[in-house]
Protein backbone atom coordinates (compact mmCIF):
# COMPACT_ATOMS: atom_id res chain seq x y z
CA UNK A 1 0.28 0.09 0.14
CA UNK A 2 1.45 3.35 -0.72
CA UNK A 3 1.18 6.33 1.48
CA UNK A 4 0.28 9.27 -1.14
CA UNK A 5 0.25 11.78 1.61
CA UNK A 6 3.87 11.54 2.80
CA UNK A 7 7.43 11.89 1.04
CA UNK A 8 10.73 10.86 3.07
CA UNK A 9 13.49 12.80 1.52
CA UNK A 10 17.38 12.86 2.35
CA UNK A 11 19.55 15.59 1.31
CA UNK A 12 23.14 14.75 0.71
CA UNK A 13 26.00 16.64 -0.84
CA UNK A 14 29.94 17.48 -0.62
CA UNK A 15 30.52 19.70 2.53
CA UNK A 16 29.68 23.23 1.86
CA UNK A 17 27.57 22.97 -1.13
CA UNK A 18 24.42 24.51 0.37
CA UNK A 19 22.38 21.73 2.01
CA UNK A 20 21.41 23.48 5.25
CA UNK A 21 20.84 26.93 3.56
CA UNK A 22 18.59 24.99 0.94
CA UNK A 23 16.52 23.61 3.61
CA UNK A 24 16.19 26.91 5.35
CA UNK A 25 14.80 28.01 2.14
CA UNK A 26 12.02 25.13 2.04
CA UNK A 27 11.08 26.05 5.31
CA UNK A 28 10.45 29.59 4.51
CA UNK A 29 8.45 28.79 1.21
CA UNK A 30 6.22 26.36 3.32
CA UNK A 31 5.56 29.31 5.81
CA UNK A 32 6.92 27.70 8.95
CA UNK A 33 8.02 30.71 10.06
CA UNK A 34 5.87 34.30 10.43
CA UNK A 35 6.52 36.94 7.84
CA UNK A 36 8.16 39.20 10.49
CA UNK A 37 9.87 36.35 12.68
CA UNK A 38 13.56 36.74 12.81
CA UNK A 39 15.21 33.46 12.12
CA UNK A 40 19.08 33.11 12.17
CA UNK A 41 20.67 31.68 8.89
CA UNK A 42 21.43 27.76 8.81
CA UNK A 43 18.55 27.23 11.27
CA UNK A 44 19.21 23.56 11.34
CA UNK A 45 23.11 23.89 12.53
CA UNK A 46 21.82 24.39 16.16
CA UNK A 47 24.92 23.22 17.66
CA UNK A 48 27.86 25.69 18.76
CA UNK A 49 30.31 23.87 16.84
CA UNK A 50 27.96 23.41 13.62
CA UNK A 51 27.61 27.03 13.39
CA UNK A 52 31.43 28.10 14.22
CA UNK A 53 32.82 25.27 11.87
CA UNK A 54 29.89 25.86 9.40
CA UNK A 55 29.63 21.99 8.58
CA UNK A 56 26.74 19.83 9.89
CA UNK A 57 27.77 17.17 12.47
CA UNK A 58 24.58 15.71 13.26
CA UNK A 59 21.77 14.50 10.95
CA UNK A 60 18.47 16.59 11.79
CA UNK A 61 14.94 15.56 10.96
CA UNK A 62 12.35 18.02 10.02
CA UNK A 63 9.08 18.35 8.07
CA UNK A 64 7.18 20.38 5.88
CA UNK A 65 3.78 20.71 4.52
CA UNK A 66 2.83 21.20 0.92
CA UNK A 67 -0.30 20.76 -1.27
CA UNK A 68 -1.33 18.72 1.61
CA UNK A 69 1.50 16.45 1.59
CA UNK A 70 3.75 16.09 4.51
CA UNK A 71 7.49 16.10 3.29
CA UNK A 72 9.86 14.44 6.00
CA UNK A 73 13.47 16.27 5.07
CA UNK A 74 16.76 14.69 6.62
CA UNK A 75 19.73 16.97 6.77
CA UNK A 76 22.74 14.86 6.39
CA UNK A 77 26.45 15.63 7.20
CA UNK A 78 28.56 16.46 4.12
CA UNK A 79 32.10 15.53 5.80
CA UNK A 80 33.53 12.02 5.34
CA UNK A 81 34.48 11.82 8.98
CA UNK A 82 30.68 11.88 9.94
CA UNK A 83 29.78 9.11 7.16
CA UNK A 84 28.48 6.97 9.95
CA UNK A 85 25.57 9.25 10.37
CA UNK A 86 24.85 9.51 6.42
CA UNK A 87 24.63 5.63 6.12
CA UNK A 88 22.17 5.38 8.80
CA UNK A 89 19.68 7.88 7.96
CA UNK A 90 19.53 6.96 4.52
CA UNK A 91 17.54 3.92 5.72
CA UNK A 92 14.68 6.39 6.63
CA UNK A 93 14.45 7.85 2.84
CA UNK A 94 12.71 6.84 -0.20
CA UNK A 95 14.64 9.45 -2.28
CA UNK A 96 17.50 12.06 -2.25
CA UNK A 97 18.25 15.46 -3.16
CA UNK A 98 21.79 15.57 -4.49
CA UNK A 99 23.11 19.24 -4.26
CA UNK A 100 25.93 20.01 -6.63
CA UNK A 101 27.74 23.23 -6.65
CA UNK A 102 27.29 24.85 -10.06
CA UNK A 103 30.65 25.96 -10.45
CA UNK A 104 32.80 23.29 -8.72
CA UNK A 105 30.54 20.16 -10.04
CA UNK A 106 30.76 16.91 -7.91
CA UNK A 107 33.28 16.51 -5.25
CA UNK A 108 34.78 13.50 -3.74
CA UNK A 109 32.52 13.54 -0.85
CA UNK A 110 29.62 13.68 -3.26
CA UNK A 111 30.74 10.24 -4.68
CA UNK A 112 30.74 8.96 -1.13
CA UNK A 113 27.33 9.63 -0.14
CA UNK A 114 25.99 9.22 -3.65
CA UNK A 115 27.52 5.67 -3.64
CA UNK A 116 25.28 4.80 -0.41
CA UNK A 117 22.30 6.37 -1.74
CA UNK A 118 22.42 4.49 -5.15
CA UNK A 119 22.93 0.93 -3.34
CA UNK A 120 19.83 1.52 -1.45
CA UNK A 121 18.00 2.31 -4.84
CA UNK A 122 17.04 5.70 -3.75
CA UNK A 123 15.41 8.03 -6.17
CA UNK A 124 17.94 10.90 -7.11
CA UNK A 125 16.99 14.44 -7.89
CA UNK A 126 19.84 16.65 -8.72
CA UNK A 127 19.89 20.34 -7.51
CA UNK A 128 22.49 22.51 -9.16
CA UNK A 129 23.13 25.02 -6.28
CA UNK A 130 24.92 28.46 -6.72
CA UNK A 131 23.94 29.18 -10.39
CA UNK A 132 24.17 32.93 -9.47
CA UNK A 133 28.10 32.57 -9.07
CA UNK A 134 30.20 34.05 -11.43
CA UNK A 135 31.73 31.36 -13.96
CA UNK A 136 28.89 28.84 -12.91
CA UNK A 137 28.47 26.24 -15.47
CA UNK A 138 25.11 24.36 -14.60
CA UNK A 139 25.05 22.20 -17.82
CA UNK A 140 28.57 21.07 -17.25
CA UNK A 141 27.92 19.96 -13.55
CA UNK A 142 24.92 18.08 -14.79
CA UNK A 143 26.93 16.19 -17.14
CA UNK A 144 29.72 15.50 -14.66
CA UNK A 145 26.78 14.07 -12.15
CA UNK A 146 25.71 11.80 -15.13
CA UNK A 147 29.18 10.53 -15.52
CA UNK A 148 29.86 10.13 -11.78
CA UNK A 149 26.46 7.78 -11.55
CA UNK A 150 27.42 5.77 -14.52
CA UNK A 151 30.95 5.07 -12.78
CA UNK A 152 28.96 4.21 -9.64
CA UNK A 153 26.83 1.57 -11.28
CA UNK A 154 23.50 3.40 -11.30
CA UNK A 155 20.78 1.84 -12.99
CA UNK A 156 18.71 3.01 -15.97
CA UNK A 157 15.75 4.40 -13.78
CA UNK A 158 18.38 6.11 -11.58
CA UNK A 159 20.23 7.64 -14.32
CA UNK A 160 16.95 9.35 -15.61
CA UNK A 161 17.14 11.76 -13.07
CA UNK A 162 15.24 15.02 -12.65
CA UNK A 163 17.34 18.27 -12.48
CA UNK A 164 16.23 21.77 -10.74
CA UNK A 165 18.55 24.51 -10.87
CA UNK A 166 18.65 26.78 -7.66
CA UNK A 167 20.29 29.60 -5.83
CA UNK A 168 19.70 28.65 -2.05
CA UNK A 169 21.14 31.78 -0.76
CA UNK A 170 18.97 34.11 -3.23
CA UNK A 171 15.98 31.58 -2.14
CA UNK A 172 14.88 30.43 -5.76
CA UNK A 173 14.72 27.30 -7.79
CA UNK A 174 13.96 26.84 -11.61
CA UNK A 175 13.45 24.13 -14.16
CA UNK A 176 15.75 25.97 -16.50
CA UNK A 177 18.95 27.97 -15.54
CA UNK A 178 17.37 31.31 -16.81
CA UNK A 179 13.60 30.82 -16.64
CA UNK A 180 13.36 33.80 -14.35
CA UNK A 181 11.69 32.19 -11.48
CA UNK A 182 12.22 33.64 -8.13
CA UNK A 183 10.90 31.18 -5.60
CA UNK A 184 11.40 27.41 -4.42
CA UNK A 185 7.87 26.29 -5.76
CA UNK A 186 9.64 24.09 -8.88
CA UNK A 187 11.79 22.04 -6.14
CA UNK A 188 8.76 21.43 -3.88
CA UNK A 189 6.84 20.29 -6.99
CA UNK A 190 9.72 18.42 -8.32
CA UNK A 191 9.98 16.57 -4.98
CA UNK A 192 6.35 15.56 -4.59
CA UNK A 193 6.11 14.36 -8.34
CA UNK A 194 9.40 12.57 -8.58
CA UNK A 195 10.28 11.13 -4.88
CA UNK A 196 8.37 8.10 -4.46
CA UNK A 197 5.71 7.98 -1.62
CA UNK A 198 6.70 5.07 1.16
CA UNK A 199 5.37 1.60 0.09
CA UNK A 200 4.24 0.07 3.35
CA UNK A 201 2.13 -2.73 4.98
CA UNK A 202 -0.37 -0.19 6.81
CA UNK A 203 -2.33 -3.36 8.05
CA UNK A 204 0.78 -5.58 9.23
CA UNK A 205 2.50 -5.87 12.37
CA UNK A 206 4.46 -2.99 14.09
CA UNK A 207 8.15 -2.78 12.54
CA UNK A 208 10.37 -0.13 13.37
CA UNK A 209 14.18 0.12 13.07
CA UNK A 210 16.03 2.66 15.29
CA UNK A 211 18.18 4.60 13.06
CA UNK A 212 19.59 7.40 15.38
CA UNK A 213 19.44 7.69 19.04
CA UNK A 214 18.59 11.40 20.78
CA UNK A 215 18.58 11.76 24.63
CA UNK A 216 16.71 13.94 26.91
CA UNK A 217 17.53 14.64 30.54
CA UNK A 218 13.72 14.47 31.23
CA UNK A 219 12.39 11.34 29.01
CA UNK A 220 15.69 9.23 28.87
CA UNK A 221 16.51 7.53 25.57
CA UNK A 222 14.24 8.63 22.29
CA UNK A 223 14.84 5.94 19.37
CA UNK A 224 14.41 7.63 16.34
CA UNK A 225 13.61 5.68 12.97
CA UNK A 226 11.06 4.90 10.13
CA UNK A 227 7.91 2.93 10.77
CA UNK A 228 7.85 0.36 7.95
CA UNK A 229 4.78 -1.28 8.55
CA UNK A 230 1.61 -1.19 11.18
CA UNK A 231 0.40 1.59 13.47
CA UNK A 232 2.15 2.34 16.70
CA UNK A 233 0.24 3.67 19.37
CA UNK A 234 1.44 5.30 22.75
CA UNK A 235 1.07 2.75 25.96
CA UNK A 236 1.69 -0.11 23.32
CA UNK A 237 3.56 -3.30 24.61
CA UNK A 238 6.39 -4.08 22.01
CA UNK A 239 9.12 -6.28 21.51
CA UNK A 240 12.78 -4.94 21.23
CA UNK A 241 15.15 -7.21 18.99
CA UNK A 242 18.86 -6.16 19.24
CA UNK A 243 21.16 -6.92 16.48
CA UNK A 244 22.97 -9.51 18.49
CA UNK A 245 19.66 -11.63 18.73
CA UNK A 246 18.71 -10.62 22.05
CA UNK A 247 14.95 -9.84 23.00
CA UNK A 248 13.11 -8.12 25.59
CA UNK A 249 9.72 -6.38 26.20
CA UNK A 250 8.96 -2.84 26.60
CA UNK A 251 6.09 -0.37 26.42
CA UNK A 252 6.06 2.60 24.62
CA UNK A 253 5.34 5.69 26.93
CA UNK A 254 5.08 8.20 24.15
CA UNK A 255 5.15 8.77 20.40
CA UNK A 256 6.33 11.79 18.49
CA UNK A 257 6.43 12.67 14.86
CA UNK A 258 8.53 15.44 13.36
CA UNK A 259 6.36 18.70 12.26
CA UNK A 260 8.24 21.59 11.07
CA UNK A 261 11.23 22.16 13.06
CA UNK A 262 10.20 20.27 16.34
CA UNK A 263 8.48 17.30 17.33
CA UNK A 264 4.82 16.67 17.97
CA UNK A 265 3.48 14.14 20.42
CA UNK A 266 0.78 11.88 18.73
CA UNK A 267 -1.60 9.12 20.11
CA UNK A 268 -0.50 6.99 17.14
CA UNK A 269 1.94 7.12 14.29
CA UNK A 270 1.29 5.38 10.83
CA UNK A 271 3.45 3.24 8.58
CA UNK A 272 5.94 5.32 6.25
CA UNK A 273 6.23 8.20 8.66
CA UNK A 274 9.55 8.96 10.77
CA UNK A 275 8.88 8.68 14.36
CA UNK A 276 10.41 9.07 17.66
CA UNK A 277 9.56 6.78 20.72
CA UNK A 278 10.03 7.08 24.20
CA UNK A 279 9.84 4.26 26.72
CA UNK A 280 12.39 1.74 25.36
CA UNK A 281 15.28 2.46 27.95
CA UNK A 282 18.09 0.83 26.41
CA UNK A 283 17.16 1.68 22.65
CA UNK A 284 20.19 1.31 20.50
CA UNK A 285 20.82 1.76 16.90
CA UNK A 286 19.76 -1.17 14.91
CA UNK A 287 17.22 -2.29 17.47
CA UNK A 288 13.88 -3.48 15.78
CA UNK A 289 10.78 -2.22 17.72
CA UNK A 290 7.97 -4.66 16.81
CA UNK A 291 4.85 -6.85 17.53
CA UNK A 292 5.34 -9.31 20.23
CA UNK A 293 2.70 -11.78 18.78
CA UNK A 294 3.96 -11.40 14.94
CA UNK A 295 7.84 -10.19 15.37
CA UNK A 296 9.47 -8.97 11.91
CA UNK A 297 12.76 -9.37 11.22
CA UNK A 298 14.92 -6.70 9.50
CA UNK A 299 18.27 -6.57 7.94
CA UNK A 300 20.94 -5.14 10.57
CA UNK A 301 22.51 -1.66 9.85
CA UNK A 302 25.83 -2.15 8.77
CA UNK A 303 28.38 0.87 9.73
CA UNK A 304 31.92 1.44 8.26
CA UNK A 305 34.52 0.72 11.24
CA UNK A 306 36.30 3.61 12.57
CA UNK A 307 39.99 3.82 11.31
CA UNK A 308 41.68 6.28 13.86
CA UNK A 309 41.91 5.79 17.71
CA UNK A 310 43.09 8.02 20.44
CA UNK A 311 43.41 7.49 24.17
CA UNK A 312 41.80 9.94 26.66
CA UNK A 313 43.41 10.38 29.98
CA UNK A 314 42.89 12.39 33.23
CA UNK A 315 45.18 15.33 33.10
CA UNK A 316 48.57 15.11 35.14
CA UNK A 317 49.93 18.79 34.13
CA UNK A 318 50.99 20.71 36.99
CA UNK A 319 48.16 23.42 35.98
CA UNK A 320 45.54 20.76 36.28
CA UNK A 321 41.93 22.21 37.91
CA UNK A 322 42.68 25.81 37.06
CA UNK A 323 40.64 26.36 34.16
CA UNK A 324 38.21 23.31 34.04
CA UNK A 325 35.68 22.09 36.69
CA UNK A 326 35.57 18.61 36.13
CA UNK A 327 39.20 16.75 36.20
CA UNK A 328 38.79 13.47 37.49
CA UNK A 329 39.60 10.08 35.57
CA UNK A 330 36.20 8.51 36.94
CA UNK A 331 34.17 11.41 35.73
CA UNK A 332 35.79 11.31 32.25
CA UNK A 333 35.37 7.52 32.02
CA UNK A 334 31.59 8.07 32.70
CA UNK A 335 31.14 10.87 30.14
CA UNK A 336 32.82 9.01 27.31
CA UNK A 337 30.74 5.82 28.30
CA UNK A 338 27.59 7.88 27.75
CA UNK A 339 28.94 9.20 24.42
CA UNK A 340 29.25 5.26 23.54
CA UNK A 341 25.53 4.92 23.95
CA UNK A 342 24.65 7.55 21.33
CA UNK A 343 27.66 7.17 18.90
CA UNK A 344 27.65 4.16 17.05
CA UNK A 345 30.24 5.15 14.66
CA UNK A 346 32.69 5.59 17.42
CA UNK A 347 34.52 2.54 19.58
CA UNK A 348 34.99 3.32 22.95
CA UNK A 349 36.57 1.10 25.64
CA UNK A 350 38.54 1.28 28.42
CA UNK A 351 42.24 0.49 28.19
CA UNK A 352 43.77 -2.80 29.30
CA UNK A 353 45.76 -1.05 32.32
CA UNK A 354 42.70 0.98 33.35
CA UNK A 355 44.69 4.20 32.78
CA UNK A 356 42.46 5.80 30.10
CA UNK A 357 39.77 5.22 27.62
CA UNK A 358 40.40 4.39 23.99
CA UNK A 359 38.06 6.10 21.50
CA UNK A 360 38.19 4.90 17.91
CA UNK A 361 36.34 7.17 15.32
CA UNK A 362 36.59 8.04 11.41
CA UNK A 363 39.37 10.50 11.33
CA UNK A 364 40.80 13.08 13.57
CA UNK A 365 37.98 15.65 12.94
CA UNK A 366 35.66 13.24 14.11
CA UNK A 367 37.63 12.65 17.56
CA UNK A 368 38.27 16.52 17.92
CA UNK A 369 34.60 17.27 17.69
CA UNK A 370 33.99 15.04 20.88
CA UNK A 371 37.05 16.79 22.29
CA UNK A 372 35.69 20.13 21.54
CA UNK A 373 32.41 19.34 23.19
CA UNK A 374 33.84 17.87 26.23
CA UNK A 375 35.85 20.86 26.76
CA UNK A 376 32.94 23.32 26.50
CA UNK A 377 31.37 21.02 29.27
CA UNK A 378 34.13 22.00 31.70
CA UNK A 379 36.24 19.15 31.06
CA UNK A 380 40.04 18.82 31.53
CA UNK A 381 42.01 16.08 30.17
CA UNK A 382 44.95 14.88 28.03
CA UNK A 383 45.27 12.75 24.63
CA UNK A 384 47.93 11.30 22.89
CA UNK A 385 48.57 11.18 19.29
CA UNK A 386 45.91 9.49 16.91
CA UNK A 387 46.92 6.15 15.83
CA UNK A 388 45.45 4.05 13.06
CA UNK A 389 43.59 1.02 13.80
CA UNK A 390 45.38 -2.04 12.19
CA UNK A 391 44.09 -5.30 11.31
CA UNK A 392 45.55 -8.69 10.37
CA UNK A 393 44.39 -10.71 7.48
CA UNK A 394 43.73 -14.75 7.85
CA UNK A 395 47.58 -15.02 6.75
CA UNK A 396 48.63 -12.94 9.79
CA UNK A 397 49.65 -10.24 7.37
CA UNK A 398 49.26 -6.73 8.82
CA UNK A 399 46.58 -4.44 7.22
CA UNK A 400 46.15 -0.69 7.58
CA UNK A 401 43.39 1.71 6.42
CA UNK A 402 44.14 3.23 2.95
CA UNK A 403 42.32 6.62 2.04
CA UNK A 404 41.64 8.13 -1.37
CA UNK A 405 42.95 11.55 -1.44
CA UNK A 406 42.12 14.08 -4.01
CA UNK A 407 43.75 17.27 -4.42
CA UNK A 408 42.64 20.42 -6.66
CA UNK A 409 45.61 22.64 -7.12
CA UNK A 410 46.50 25.57 -9.64
CA UNK A 411 48.78 24.11 -12.44
CA UNK A 412 51.65 26.17 -11.19
CA UNK A 413 51.93 24.49 -7.78
CA UNK A 414 50.83 21.05 -9.19
CA UNK A 415 54.68 19.58 -9.07
CA UNK A 416 54.69 20.92 -5.39
CA UNK A 417 51.54 19.26 -4.34
CA UNK A 418 52.64 15.77 -5.94
CA UNK A 419 56.26 16.18 -4.16
CA UNK A 420 54.48 16.72 -0.69
CA UNK A 421 51.92 13.71 -1.36
CA UNK A 422 54.72 11.39 -2.34
CA UNK A 423 56.80 12.11 0.99
CA UNK A 424 53.36 11.34 2.75
CA UNK A 425 53.37 7.82 1.18
CA UNK A 426 50.71 8.93 -1.47
CA UNK A 427 50.61 7.03 -4.98
CA UNK A 428 49.35 8.74 -7.53
CA UNK A 429 46.27 7.26 -9.38
CA UNK A 430 44.86 9.66 -11.69
CA UNK A 431 45.82 13.49 -12.94
CA UNK A 432 44.13 15.43 -15.38
CA UNK A 433 44.46 19.42 -15.92
CA UNK A 434 42.26 22.04 -17.52
CA UNK A 435 43.16 25.76 -18.28
CA UNK A 436 44.05 26.79 -14.75
CA UNK A 437 43.48 23.66 -12.16
CA UNK A 438 45.19 20.37 -11.93
CA UNK A 439 43.09 17.46 -10.51
CA UNK A 440 45.07 14.85 -8.85
CA UNK A 441 43.87 11.37 -7.25
CA UNK A 442 45.88 9.38 -4.70
CA UNK A 443 45.89 6.21 -2.83
CA UNK A 444 47.51 6.99 0.51
CA UNK A 445 47.99 5.33 3.94
CA UNK A 446 45.57 6.98 6.69
CA UNK A 447 48.94 7.55 8.72
CA UNK A 448 50.29 9.55 5.97
CA UNK A 449 47.03 12.22 5.99
CA UNK A 450 48.27 13.59 9.45
CA UNK A 451 49.22 16.96 9.19
CA UNK A 452 48.92 16.66 5.36
CA UNK A 453 46.53 19.58 5.08
CA UNK A 454 48.85 21.95 6.60
CA UNK A 455 51.78 21.00 4.61
CA UNK A 456 49.75 20.91 1.01
CA UNK A 457 48.58 24.42 1.83
CA UNK A 458 52.30 25.54 2.74
CA UNK A 459 53.54 24.22 -0.46
CA UNK A 460 50.94 25.50 -2.74
CA UNK A 461 50.55 29.12 -1.06
CA UNK A 462 47.04 28.26 0.36
CA UNK A 463 45.74 27.39 -3.24
CA UNK A 464 45.14 23.65 -2.93
CA UNK A 465 42.02 21.92 -1.87
CA UNK A 466 42.66 18.65 -0.22
CA UNK A 467 39.66 15.93 0.58
CA UNK A 468 40.36 12.47 1.64
CA UNK A 469 38.11 9.47 2.81
CA UNK A 470 38.46 5.98 3.79
CA UNK A 471 38.79 3.56 0.95
CA UNK A 472 39.89 -0.13 2.21
CA UNK A 473 42.16 -1.66 4.41
CA UNK A 474 45.46 -2.63 2.39
CA UNK A 475 48.91 -4.14 3.16
CA UNK A 476 51.09 -2.28 5.79
CA UNK A 477 53.39 -0.06 3.93
CA UNK A 478 56.31 0.33 6.48
CA UNK A 479 57.54 3.03 8.76
CA UNK A 480 57.14 6.53 7.91
CA UNK A 481 59.16 9.63 9.02
CA UNK A 482 57.71 11.73 11.63
CA UNK A 483 58.12 15.66 12.26
CA UNK A 484 61.55 17.00 10.91
CA UNK A 485 62.04 19.79 13.59
CA UNK A 486 62.75 19.18 17.20
CA UNK A 487 60.66 21.13 19.82
CA UNK A 488 61.57 23.77 22.49
CA UNK A 489 60.69 22.37 26.12
CA UNK A 490 60.31 24.53 29.20
CA UNK A 491 62.65 23.69 32.11
CA UNK A 492 60.78 25.18 34.92
CA UNK A 493 57.25 25.99 35.90
CA UNK A 494 56.86 29.77 35.64
CA UNK A 495 55.61 32.54 33.34
CA UNK A 496 57.03 33.30 29.98
CA UNK A 497 59.03 36.54 29.79
CA UNK A 498 59.44 38.69 26.81
CA UNK A 499 63.19 39.14 27.08
CA UNK A 500 63.45 35.19 27.24
CA UNK A 501 61.25 34.75 24.26
CA UNK A 502 63.01 37.67 22.22
CA UNK A 503 66.24 35.17 22.25
CA UNK A 504 64.14 32.19 21.63
CA UNK A 505 62.39 33.32 18.50
CA UNK A 506 65.51 33.58 16.78
CA UNK A 507 66.21 29.97 17.10
CA UNK A 508 62.89 28.74 15.69
CA UNK A 509 58.90 29.41 16.35
CA UNK A 510 57.12 29.97 19.36
CA UNK A 511 53.84 28.89 20.69
CA UNK A 512 53.59 31.10 23.74
CA UNK A 513 53.35 34.54 24.45
CA UNK A 514 54.73 36.75 27.31
CA UNK A 515 52.52 36.15 30.43
CA UNK A 516 51.40 32.49 29.55
CA UNK A 517 52.06 29.86 32.23
CA UNK A 518 54.32 27.46 31.39
CA UNK A 519 55.68 24.29 33.17
CA UNK A 520 58.52 21.87 33.07
CA UNK A 521 58.10 19.39 30.21
CA UNK A 522 55.45 21.80 28.22
CA UNK A 523 56.44 22.36 24.52
CA UNK A 524 56.69 26.15 24.06
CA UNK A 525 58.20 26.25 20.20
CA UNK A 526 59.69 24.45 17.37
CA UNK A 527 63.31 24.61 16.87
CA UNK A 528 64.67 25.25 13.52
CA UNK A 529 66.61 22.19 13.83
CA UNK A 530 66.52 18.43 14.50
CA UNK A 531 66.33 17.44 18.15
CA UNK A 532 64.57 18.71 21.26
CA UNK A 533 66.09 21.56 23.20
CA UNK A 534 65.38 22.39 26.69
CA UNK A 535 64.94 26.40 27.17
CA UNK A 536 64.25 28.76 29.90
CA UNK A 537 61.14 30.99 28.94
CA UNK A 538 61.30 32.75 32.34
CA UNK A 539 64.71 34.19 31.99
CA UNK A 540 64.96 37.97 32.79
CA UNK A 541 67.57 40.54 32.00
CA UNK A 542 69.74 41.53 35.24
CA UNK A 543 69.75 45.37 35.58
CA UNK A 544 72.97 47.05 36.12
CA UNK A 545 73.08 50.68 37.20
CA UNK A 546 74.24 51.92 33.90
CA UNK A 547 71.04 50.97 32.00
CA UNK A 548 67.34 52.10 32.24
CA UNK A 549 64.67 49.65 32.85
CA UNK A 550 62.83 51.00 29.93
CA UNK A 551 65.27 49.73 27.56
CA UNK A 552 63.39 46.49 27.61
CA UNK A 553 60.42 48.10 25.87
CA UNK A 554 61.97 47.64 22.40
CA UNK A 555 61.83 43.87 22.07
CA UNK A 556 59.28 42.96 19.15
CA UNK A 557 58.01 39.36 19.15
CA UNK A 558 56.40 37.72 16.53
CA UNK A 559 53.01 36.77 17.48
CA UNK A 560 53.00 32.98 18.59
CA UNK A 561 51.53 30.24 16.67
CA UNK A 562 47.96 29.10 18.06
CA UNK A 563 46.95 25.70 16.98
CA UNK A 564 43.29 24.30 16.68
CA UNK A 565 42.58 20.89 18.10
CA UNK A 566 43.08 18.97 15.13
CA UNK A 567 46.27 20.79 14.15
CA UNK A 568 47.77 20.08 17.80
CA UNK A 569 46.72 16.40 17.29
CA UNK A 570 48.46 16.28 13.85
CA UNK A 571 51.53 18.09 15.28
CA UNK A 572 52.60 15.83 18.27
CA UNK A 573 54.74 12.80 18.16
CA UNK A 574 54.17 9.58 20.04
CA UNK A 575 56.03 10.65 22.92
CA UNK A 576 54.02 13.88 23.47
CA UNK A 577 50.42 14.51 24.61
CA UNK A 578 47.85 17.40 24.10
CA UNK A 579 46.56 18.98 26.91
CA UNK A 580 42.90 20.11 26.80
CA UNK A 581 41.14 22.67 29.04
CA UNK A 582 37.99 24.78 28.35
CA UNK A 583 40.39 27.65 27.70
CA UNK A 584 43.79 26.15 26.47
CA UNK A 585 45.05 23.61 24.31
CA UNK A 586 48.80 23.08 25.22
CA UNK A 587 51.48 20.60 24.01
CA UNK A 588 53.68 18.69 26.56
CA UNK A 589 55.82 15.78 26.63
CA UNK A 590 54.60 12.59 28.09
CA UNK A 591 57.39 12.50 30.40
CA UNK A 592 57.73 16.13 31.99
CA UNK A 593 60.96 15.87 34.07
CA UNK A 594 64.12 16.21 31.89
CA UNK A 595 66.19 13.73 33.71
CA UNK A 596 63.26 11.05 33.62
CA UNK A 597 63.07 11.85 29.57
CA UNK A 598 67.06 11.47 29.36
CA UNK A 599 66.65 8.09 31.47
CA UNK A 600 63.85 6.70 29.36
CA UNK A 601 65.53 7.50 25.98
CA UNK A 602 68.63 5.52 27.20
CA UNK A 603 66.50 2.52 27.60
């Protein structure tokens, strides 16, 4: 049976091609907001980090009503590190809007999300966005999407895709790039006409598979998924079947559907709709909520394995507790175990010696988003260098994650980019050039991507665009060189002084400024040569009777280098740690004492 009054559509695209802005415009077009209501841009990027980074991290569900039809819209992340979110939420959709930049065309991440959508047989509607950009080539973008779909093995039906041309920022969609239409109606009409309505068994037993888990401090765990068959009522007794085969009974306390930007409590939900249920205390991703009398079996949700791991430990810094409220190892462990419940794409386990918690994710950005969230909650902790997750094959050979990296670089700098990729273990697979840009594709071990973006940008004067995502596990490619330059390490716990830093800046680059608290073992700069050097950042000038004390004012210091969390994680070596507090990100040696470090190096 078809649910004619429903459409479930996911929005997929490469990061920064305008997914969230387009959803804003659809909300305006369906009069979700009052005419005079003040609404911030990218209304779905509700989390602070999403707004600051300008990317979507968590998928969101909203609905809009148009011509009497309810359209459930799922906004998905565009960054490869959050691919786990994309894979799950596509289970709830019958079709997808693939958004492509009219100037850039399909990008590497477009391939990643599109391949998942095609595998599930979703109906694709191509939206060529940003047609108002200078040098936009909408027809060229459509041709590239067609070529990409052929390459990904799309069916004939999927290749016959409808195209809508849009400028989300200016709030219009068109069936032809220059037909003059100035509203979003053509896109809404295309969704209703082209995206199939859900085919469900409305009279069958209840079957709902949990695709995402939300958490409310008042209601507990909230399971979100699509109701595949039957009608779900509040206060209904259900059977919960977990992916490993365990079963238990539960009572649905409340049923919600998604209306506009929020959830609405309903007495019952019908097959085909996306619903949120409260009452299944241990709800987890992949759980099937079904009828106890006639249980329905469903395919388990498969999520790609994490490829990079980092160990969280309680901070052992001499400055611990000065900036953060939560510093204990027990609270750190409890917080990470809470994360384990809702974040299926991460693997979170205590280390064997119980000294910390090992968190494995899809990449440095994936891990740093969790760290950033925790430091904003008031946690203080330290983390080591991210390590890739190795595997062994049936013959006992060591395997490591291999990524596909693409670099778009001006023709003048293509040689530099190839050289940098080569030193990071990259093997070139493809290369083509047009009048101004060269497009390079490499196969590269995940280890080689650490700090790669900074090196590529430095070599190409900031002109290159680098993107990489996990492809497969391949043979281990041997040891790689680490950081070439040594670091400057503070010899004592004291505040940095301008006089001392003036001398040190001639020997390298500094990470601290006058007045910063430093401690023994803290990394305060990068030496221009190989090998670490222990330095005194608190050395002051002894004043004699022949000099005035104002002579110091002539000191001119270069501003210190400040690290983001991702840059700090990629910069450190195995014997170093990043200390994360709500206010600071500091680099330090794992062993703080100079004498103890020397002893350890001799062993």
